[in-house]
Amino acid sequence: EGQLSWLIQAIRYPDVFCFGDHPAHPVLIDCLKHPLDDTKDTWTWRSLNLIECLLRIADTGLYSTVLEIFKHSIQRSGELIFLGLLQLPVS
């Protein structure tokens, strides 16, 4: 739960910690018809590593907490999260 708590704070405050400022596998957005806003909030959800990490945490029994994170974020960056889910490797 400690890792999830840290991730929640990092997602909530992208001006303090932005996943886009660190090496990661990005969500490919070249298929979108319009460009996304170039904000730190958008860059947070361009991290496939973050999306995959949250899904792995959900598998440990923290599903409802992770679902709330995704619900809130889908309102802001829905198509980006959808693209990220489609681009995750199948394991």
Foldseek 3Di string as FASTA:
>chain_A
DVVVVVVVVCLVCLVVPAPLVDDAQFQDDPPDPDDDDPDSNLRNLRHLVSLVVLVVVCVVVCVVVSVVVVVVSCVPVVVSNVSSVVPDDDD
